[in-house]
Amino acid sequence: MTHIYVDAMGGDNAPGCTVAGTLEALRANPKLSVTLAGDEQAIRALLIDAEDVKDRLTVEHCSETITNHDAPVLAVRTRKDSAIVKGMLAVRNGQADGFVSAGSTGAVLAGGMFRLGRIDGIDRPALAPLMPNGKDFFLLIDCGANVDCKPEYLRQFAIMGDAYMRCVRHKPNPRVALLNIGAEPEKGNQLVKEAYPLLENTPVNFVGNVEGRDVAADLADVIVSDGFAGNLVLKTMEGTAAMLLGMMKEELMGSARSKLGALLAKPAFKKLKKRMDYTEVGGAPMLGVKGAVVKAHGSSNGHAIACAIRQAVTMHEGGVAPAIEKTLAEALKSE
């Protein structure tokens, strides 16, 4: 049985979608148990149809809530009866195998660092969402947790991304690339120029630089970046996908002939939408901390929460954190 601690009050649609997603995850996985943490009265009001999973579901009352308007570090230090703090401590103490929240990104990062703790040898944990590349998914690390980076951080990101893709996505030798403005090793700013030789001497399958236009061209399974550039890539891809889907819908509904064509192609369009839908991934894993932590999108619906819980289960069962520690130790030995 794998036990996941879920912040029931985090996100724009909480606690309704958080509870709904938790129930979906429990019904899909009979070897899963969950603690839903937050306002107990509000949570229990949404569990009237949960008789079939009640033996694997616990509700824990939290008298405090951390919101997006709170200073993350201060909130994590002072609001000890919040779901984010109690969830991180539960993972640290072995009472839970993973933690999921759609709440404040800053608070989840601060909680991971100060309450759960970093893996030995990791300077900065990173957020790493899976992004579509036309054939499967690639891992973008970092996407915003570390705006200012040192070359050594990027090497650590590469190690963490490699471990995640091997343990969770089951890729035996994932291709690791460095986001840059050109393919040549000498291109880029000082950060990526200094990071390039570090990645060459790291025990991962480093395939060199990848440019912005090739991010979704299936040239790498892990793309390493500082959080500033990575967040720009993430938001640009999200916006472009939404624009293209909107334009397609507008054109297909523009005439009787195009509507007929759209009706015939509806199954294909549904598959395309699913492949581009972030809810199918569930959220961004927080790599570099001593446990399985998934930060779900703030606007997550119930299905997205269920997928985030599933991802946390896979991270725990796949041993992502121990794999990061092992690869990091190998990298240090090779120096």
Protein backbone atom coordinates (compact mmCIF):
# COMPACT_ATOMS: atom_id res chain seq x y z
CA MET A 1 0.00 0.00 0.00
CA THR A 2 1.37 3.41 -1.01
CA HIS A 3 0.21 6.37 1.07
CA ILE A 4 -0.04 9.88 -0.42
CA TYR A 5 -0.70 13.04 1.59
CA VAL A 6 -2.85 15.53 -0.38
CA ASP A 7 -3.31 19.24 0.30
CA ALA A 8 -7.11 19.41 -0.07
CA MET A 9 -7.29 23.22 0.10
CA GLY A 10 -4.64 24.05 -2.51
CA GLY A 11 -5.59 25.33 -5.97
CA ASP A 12 -8.25 27.46 -7.62
CA ASN A 13 -10.87 24.69 -7.54
CA ALA A 14 -10.29 23.35 -4.03
CA PRO A 15 -11.58 21.51 -2.18
CA GLY A 16 -14.14 20.21 -4.69
CA CYS A 17 -11.77 19.14 -7.45
CA THR A 18 -9.12 18.00 -4.98
CA VAL A 19 -11.55 15.64 -3.28
CA ALA A 20 -12.99 14.45 -6.60
CA GLY A 21 -9.50 13.74 -7.93
CA THR A 22 -8.52 11.88 -4.80
CA LEU A 23 -11.57 9.63 -5.07
CA GLU A 24 -10.79 8.99 -8.76
CA ALA A 25 -7.22 8.02 -7.86
CA LEU A 26 -8.36 5.72 -5.05
CA ARG A 27 -10.85 3.94 -7.29
CA ALA A 28 -8.23 3.47 -10.00
CA ASN A 29 -5.59 2.04 -7.66
CA PRO A 30 -6.64 -0.47 -4.96
CA LYS A 31 -3.12 -0.36 -3.48
CA LEU A 32 -3.35 3.37 -2.74
CA SER A 33 -4.31 5.12 0.49
CA VAL A 34 -4.64 8.89 0.92
CA THR A 35 -4.73 11.51 3.64
CA LEU A 36 -6.79 14.55 2.65
CA ALA A 37 -5.66 17.53 4.73
CA GLY A 38 -7.41 20.84 5.24
CA ASP A 39 -10.76 22.09 6.53
CA GLU A 40 -12.25 18.84 7.83
CA GLN A 41 -15.85 20.03 7.70
CA ALA A 42 -15.54 21.20 4.08
CA ILE A 43 -13.79 17.99 3.04
CA ARG A 44 -16.26 15.61 4.71
CA ALA A 45 -19.18 17.40 3.10
CA LEU A 46 -17.79 16.23 -0.25
CA LEU A 47 -17.32 12.59 0.78
CA ILE A 48 -20.93 11.46 0.90
CA ASP A 49 -20.35 9.08 -2.03
CA ALA A 50 -17.00 7.72 -0.82
CA GLU A 51 -18.23 4.62 1.00
CA ASP A 52 -16.40 2.32 -1.42
CA VAL A 53 -12.97 3.80 -0.56
CA LYS A 54 -13.47 5.05 3.00
CA ASP A 55 -11.20 2.36 4.46
CA ARG A 56 -8.27 3.79 2.46
CA LEU A 57 -9.06 7.46 3.06
CA THR A 58 -8.16 9.59 6.08
CA VAL A 59 -9.15 13.22 6.69
CA GLU A 60 -6.78 15.36 8.74
CA HIS A 61 -7.93 18.74 9.95
CA CYS A 62 -5.60 21.71 9.44
CA SER A 63 -6.49 24.95 11.16
CA GLU A 64 -4.24 27.05 8.89
CA THR A 65 -3.97 27.54 5.14
CA ILE A 66 -1.11 28.93 3.06
CA THR A 67 -2.33 30.97 0.08
CA ASN A 68 -0.64 32.46 -2.99
CA HIS A 69 -0.72 35.85 -1.27
CA ASP A 70 1.47 34.73 1.64
CA ALA A 71 5.26 35.08 1.76
CA PRO A 72 6.25 31.42 1.14
CA VAL A 73 9.24 31.03 3.47
CA LEU A 74 7.60 32.94 6.33
CA ALA A 75 4.36 30.98 5.92
CA VAL A 76 6.15 27.63 5.97
CA ARG A 77 8.03 28.64 9.12
CA THR A 78 5.03 29.99 11.03
CA ARG A 79 1.92 28.13 9.82
CA LYS A 80 2.80 24.75 11.21
CA ASP A 81 -0.79 23.51 11.15
CA SER A 82 -1.13 23.93 7.38
CA ALA A 83 -1.44 21.02 4.95
CA ILE A 84 1.80 21.92 3.15
CA VAL A 85 3.89 21.87 6.33
CA LYS A 86 2.20 18.80 7.84
CA GLY A 87 2.37 16.94 4.53
CA MET A 88 6.11 17.54 4.10
CA LEU A 89 6.74 16.44 7.69
CA ALA A 90 4.64 13.32 7.14
CA VAL A 91 6.84 12.35 4.19
CA ARG A 92 10.02 13.15 6.13
CA ASN A 93 8.91 11.06 9.10
CA GLY A 94 7.85 8.09 6.96
CA GLN A 95 4.14 8.52 7.66
CA ALA A 96 3.45 9.21 3.97
CA ASP A 97 5.20 8.12 0.78
CA GLY A 98 4.47 11.26 -1.22
CA PHE A 99 2.87 14.69 -1.19
CA VAL A 100 0.63 16.46 -3.73
CA SER A 101 -0.54 20.07 -3.74
CA ALA A 102 -2.07 22.47 -6.26
CA GLY A 103 -1.45 25.36 -3.88
CA SER A 104 1.26 28.00 -3.65
CA THR A 105 4.28 27.00 -5.72
CA GLY A 106 6.59 29.06 -3.52
CA ALA A 107 5.26 27.43 -0.36
CA VAL A 108 5.64 23.92 -1.80
CA LEU A 109 9.24 24.73 -2.75
CA ALA A 110 9.97 26.24 0.65
CA GLY A 111 8.28 23.33 2.41
CA GLY A 112 10.29 20.85 0.39
CA MET A 113 13.57 22.56 1.27
CA PHE A 114 12.99 23.44 4.92
CA ARG A 115 10.53 20.80 6.15
CA LEU A 116 11.21 17.74 4.01
CA GLY A 117 14.87 18.44 3.23
CA ARG A 118 17.16 18.27 0.20
CA ILE A 119 18.96 15.18 -1.02
CA ASP A 120 22.60 15.30 0.07
CA GLY A 121 24.65 16.99 -2.63
CA ILE A 122 21.72 18.84 -4.21
CA ASP A 123 21.99 22.61 -3.84
CA ARG A 124 18.63 23.60 -5.31
CA PRO A 125 15.52 21.46 -5.87
CA ALA A 126 13.84 22.03 -9.23
CA LEU A 127 10.38 21.81 -10.77
CA ALA A 128 10.31 19.63 -13.86
CA PRO A 129 7.09 19.32 -15.89
CA LEU A 130 6.63 16.78 -18.67
CA MET A 131 5.99 18.49 -22.01
CA PRO A 132 4.72 16.97 -25.30
CA ASN A 133 7.17 16.62 -28.18
CA GLY A 134 4.95 15.03 -30.82
CA LYS A 135 5.94 11.44 -30.05
CA ASP A 136 5.99 11.26 -26.26
CA PHE A 137 7.07 13.68 -23.52
CA PHE A 138 10.29 15.40 -22.52
CA LEU A 139 11.18 16.67 -19.06
CA LEU A 140 11.90 20.41 -18.78
CA ILE A 141 14.09 21.11 -15.75
CA ASP A 142 13.98 23.76 -14.25
CA CYS A 143 10.73 25.61 -15.11
CA GLY A 144 10.85 28.43 -12.58
CA ALA A 145 12.05 27.36 -9.15
CA ASN A 146 15.57 28.75 -9.68
CA VAL A 147 15.63 31.91 -11.77
CA ASP A 148 19.32 32.55 -11.10
CA CYS A 149 21.56 29.51 -11.46
CA LYS A 150 25.18 28.42 -11.27
CA PRO A 151 26.68 25.90 -13.73
CA GLU A 152 26.79 23.26 -10.98
CA TYR A 153 23.02 23.61 -10.49
CA LEU A 154 22.48 22.73 -14.15
CA ARG A 155 24.60 19.61 -13.74
CA GLN A 156 22.48 18.60 -10.78
CA PHE A 157 19.32 19.26 -12.83
CA ALA A 158 20.66 16.90 -15.50
CA ILE A 159 21.24 14.16 -12.93
CA MET A 160 17.78 14.61 -11.43
CA GLY A 161 16.08 14.64 -14.83
CA ASP A 162 17.95 11.52 -15.91
CA ALA A 163 16.85 9.68 -12.76
CA TYR A 164 13.21 10.71 -13.18
CA MET A 165 13.00 9.58 -16.81
CA ARG A 166 14.61 6.23 -15.99
CA CYS A 167 12.52 5.51 -12.90
CA VAL A 168 9.15 7.01 -13.86
CA ARG A 169 9.06 7.03 -17.67
CA HIS A 170 11.13 3.83 -17.94
CA LYS A 171 13.62 5.16 -20.47
CA PRO A 172 16.83 3.14 -19.97
CA ASN A 173 19.22 5.76 -21.39
CA PRO A 174 17.42 9.13 -21.61
CA ARG A 175 18.95 11.79 -23.85
CA VAL A 176 19.91 14.89 -21.87
CA ALA A 177 20.32 18.25 -23.61
CA LEU A 178 21.14 21.81 -22.57
CA LEU A 179 18.79 24.62 -23.66
CA ASN A 180 20.78 27.18 -25.65
CA ILE A 181 20.59 29.68 -28.51
CA GLY A 182 22.71 27.47 -30.76
CA ALA A 183 23.81 23.88 -31.18
CA GLU A 184 27.55 24.59 -30.98
CA PRO A 185 29.29 24.16 -27.58
CA GLU A 186 30.74 27.68 -27.70
CA LYS A 187 27.33 29.36 -28.11
CA GLY A 188 25.31 30.96 -25.33
CA ASN A 189 25.83 33.06 -22.23
CA GLN A 190 28.44 32.44 -19.56
CA LEU A 191 26.17 30.11 -17.60
CA VAL A 192 25.58 27.58 -20.39
CA LYS A 193 29.16 27.85 -21.69
CA GLU A 194 30.44 26.78 -18.29
CA ALA A 195 27.71 24.18 -17.80
CA TYR A 196 28.41 22.41 -21.11
CA PRO A 197 31.73 20.75 -20.12
CA LEU A 198 30.25 19.84 -16.73
CA LEU A 199 27.43 17.93 -18.42
CA GLU A 200 29.92 16.26 -20.77
CA ASN A 201 31.67 14.83 -17.70
CA THR A 202 28.51 13.77 -15.89
CA PRO A 203 27.36 10.11 -16.02
CA VAL A 204 24.28 10.85 -18.15
CA ASN A 205 23.64 10.53 -21.89
CA PHE A 206 24.45 14.16 -22.73
CA VAL A 207 23.62 14.94 -26.39
CA GLY A 208 24.65 18.61 -26.46
CA ASN A 209 22.69 21.81 -26.92
CA VAL A 210 19.13 22.15 -28.17
CA GLU A 211 17.68 25.38 -29.54
CA GLY A 212 14.28 26.81 -28.71
CA ARG A 213 12.82 25.86 -32.09
CA ASP A 214 13.82 22.22 -31.53
CA VAL A 215 12.51 21.88 -27.98
CA ALA A 216 9.49 19.88 -29.19
CA ALA A 217 11.35 18.05 -31.98
CA ASP A 218 12.09 14.87 -29.97
CA LEU A 219 15.83 15.54 -29.85
CA ALA A 220 16.08 15.00 -26.09
CA ASP A 221 14.20 13.32 -23.25
CA VAL A 222 15.48 15.82 -20.66
CA ILE A 223 16.09 19.50 -21.43
CA VAL A 224 18.14 21.32 -18.81
CA SER A 225 17.68 25.04 -18.25
CA ASP A 226 17.83 27.74 -15.62
CA GLY A 227 14.40 28.55 -14.21
CA PHE A 228 14.08 31.86 -16.07
CA ALA A 229 14.53 30.48 -19.58
CA GLY A 230 12.69 27.28 -18.68
CA ASN A 231 9.64 29.17 -17.50
CA LEU A 232 9.60 31.17 -20.74
CA VAL A 233 9.63 27.91 -22.72
CA LEU A 234 6.87 26.43 -20.55
CA LYS A 235 4.55 29.45 -20.82
CA THR A 236 5.24 29.90 -24.54
CA MET A 237 4.36 26.28 -25.27
CA GLU A 238 1.20 26.48 -23.16
CA GLY A 239 0.10 29.69 -24.91
CA THR A 240 0.91 28.40 -28.38
CA ALA A 241 -1.00 25.17 -27.81
CA ALA A 242 -4.06 27.08 -26.57
CA MET A 243 -3.89 29.47 -29.55
CA LEU A 244 -3.60 26.66 -32.12
CA LEU A 245 -6.48 24.69 -30.63
CA GLY A 246 -8.59 27.85 -30.58
CA MET A 247 -7.77 28.69 -34.20
CA MET A 248 -8.55 25.14 -35.31
CA LYS A 249 -11.93 25.25 -33.57
CA GLU A 250 -12.76 28.63 -35.12
CA GLU A 251 -11.87 27.51 -38.65
CA LEU A 252 -13.63 24.14 -38.34
CA MET A 253 -16.84 25.81 -37.20
CA GLY A 254 -16.65 28.46 -39.94
CA SER A 255 -18.82 26.79 -42.58
CA ALA A 256 -21.16 23.86 -43.15
CA ARG A 257 -18.47 22.03 -45.16
CA SER A 258 -15.80 22.48 -42.48
CA LYS A 259 -18.27 21.40 -39.79
CA LEU A 260 -18.91 18.19 -41.70
CA GLY A 261 -15.18 17.60 -41.98
CA ALA A 262 -14.76 18.32 -38.28
CA LEU A 263 -17.45 15.76 -37.44
CA LEU A 264 -15.63 13.10 -39.45
CA ALA A 265 -12.29 13.98 -37.86
CA LYS A 266 -13.67 14.33 -34.31
CA PRO A 267 -12.01 11.14 -32.96
CA ALA A 268 -8.60 12.33 -34.21
CA PHE A 269 -9.10 15.78 -32.70
CA LYS A 270 -10.00 14.22 -29.34
CA LYS A 271 -6.77 12.21 -29.38
CA LEU A 272 -4.79 15.34 -30.28
CA LYS A 273 -6.33 17.34 -27.46
CA LYS A 274 -5.57 14.56 -24.98
CA ARG A 275 -1.92 14.46 -26.08
CA MET A 276 -1.63 18.22 -25.50
CA ASP A 277 -3.65 18.31 -22.27
CA TYR A 278 -1.61 19.09 -19.13
CA THR A 279 -4.23 17.41 -16.96
CA GLU A 280 -3.10 14.01 -18.27
CA VAL A 281 0.34 14.60 -16.73
CA GLY A 282 -0.99 15.96 -13.45
CA GLY A 283 1.74 18.36 -12.45
CA ALA A 284 5.45 19.02 -12.10
CA PRO A 285 7.55 16.78 -9.86
CA MET A 286 9.76 18.61 -7.38
CA LEU A 287 13.11 16.91 -7.77
CA GLY A 288 15.99 17.15 -5.34
CA VAL A 289 14.09 16.64 -2.07
CA LYS A 290 13.99 13.51 0.06
CA GLY A 291 10.67 12.19 -1.13
CA ALA A 292 8.04 12.17 -3.86
CA VAL A 293 6.53 15.65 -4.20
CA VAL A 294 4.27 16.75 -7.07
CA LYS A 295 3.15 20.34 -7.60
CA ALA A 296 -0.15 20.24 -9.50
CA HIS A 297 -1.30 23.15 -11.66
CA GLY A 298 -3.24 25.77 -9.73
CA SER A 299 -6.24 25.40 -12.04
CA SER A 300 -6.26 21.58 -11.86
CA ASN A 301 -9.57 19.80 -12.27
CA GLY A 302 -10.35 16.51 -10.58
CA HIS A 303 -8.72 14.38 -13.26
CA ALA A 304 -5.52 16.43 -13.08
CA ILE A 305 -5.36 15.87 -9.31
CA ALA A 306 -5.86 12.13 -9.84
CA CYS A 307 -2.99 12.11 -12.36
CA ALA A 308 -0.78 14.08 -9.95
CA ILE A 309 -1.43 11.50 -7.23
CA ARG A 310 -0.65 8.72 -9.70
CA GLN A 311 2.62 10.47 -10.56
CA ALA A 312 3.59 10.73 -6.88
CA VAL A 313 2.91 7.01 -6.47
CA THR A 314 5.11 6.20 -9.47
CA MET A 315 7.91 8.45 -8.18
CA HIS A 316 7.88 6.68 -4.83
CA GLU A 317 7.62 3.17 -6.22
CA GLY A 318 10.26 3.92 -8.87
CA GLY A 319 12.74 5.15 -6.28
CA VAL A 320 13.48 8.51 -7.90
CA ALA A 321 15.17 10.08 -4.86
CA PRO A 322 17.54 7.11 -4.25
CA ALA A 323 18.38 7.06 -7.98
CA ILE A 324 19.32 10.75 -7.84
CA GLU A 325 21.56 10.09 -4.83
CA LYS A 326 23.28 7.19 -6.61
CA THR A 327 23.93 9.09 -9.85
CA LEU A 328 25.15 12.13 -7.94
CA ALA A 329 27.61 9.95 -6.01
CA GLU A 330 28.92 8.52 -9.31
CA ALA A 331 29.36 12.03 -10.69
CA LEU A 332 31.35 13.11 -7.64
CA LYS A 333 33.60 10.03 -7.92
CA SER A 334 34.39 10.86 -11.57
CA GLU A 335 35.76 14.29 -10.67
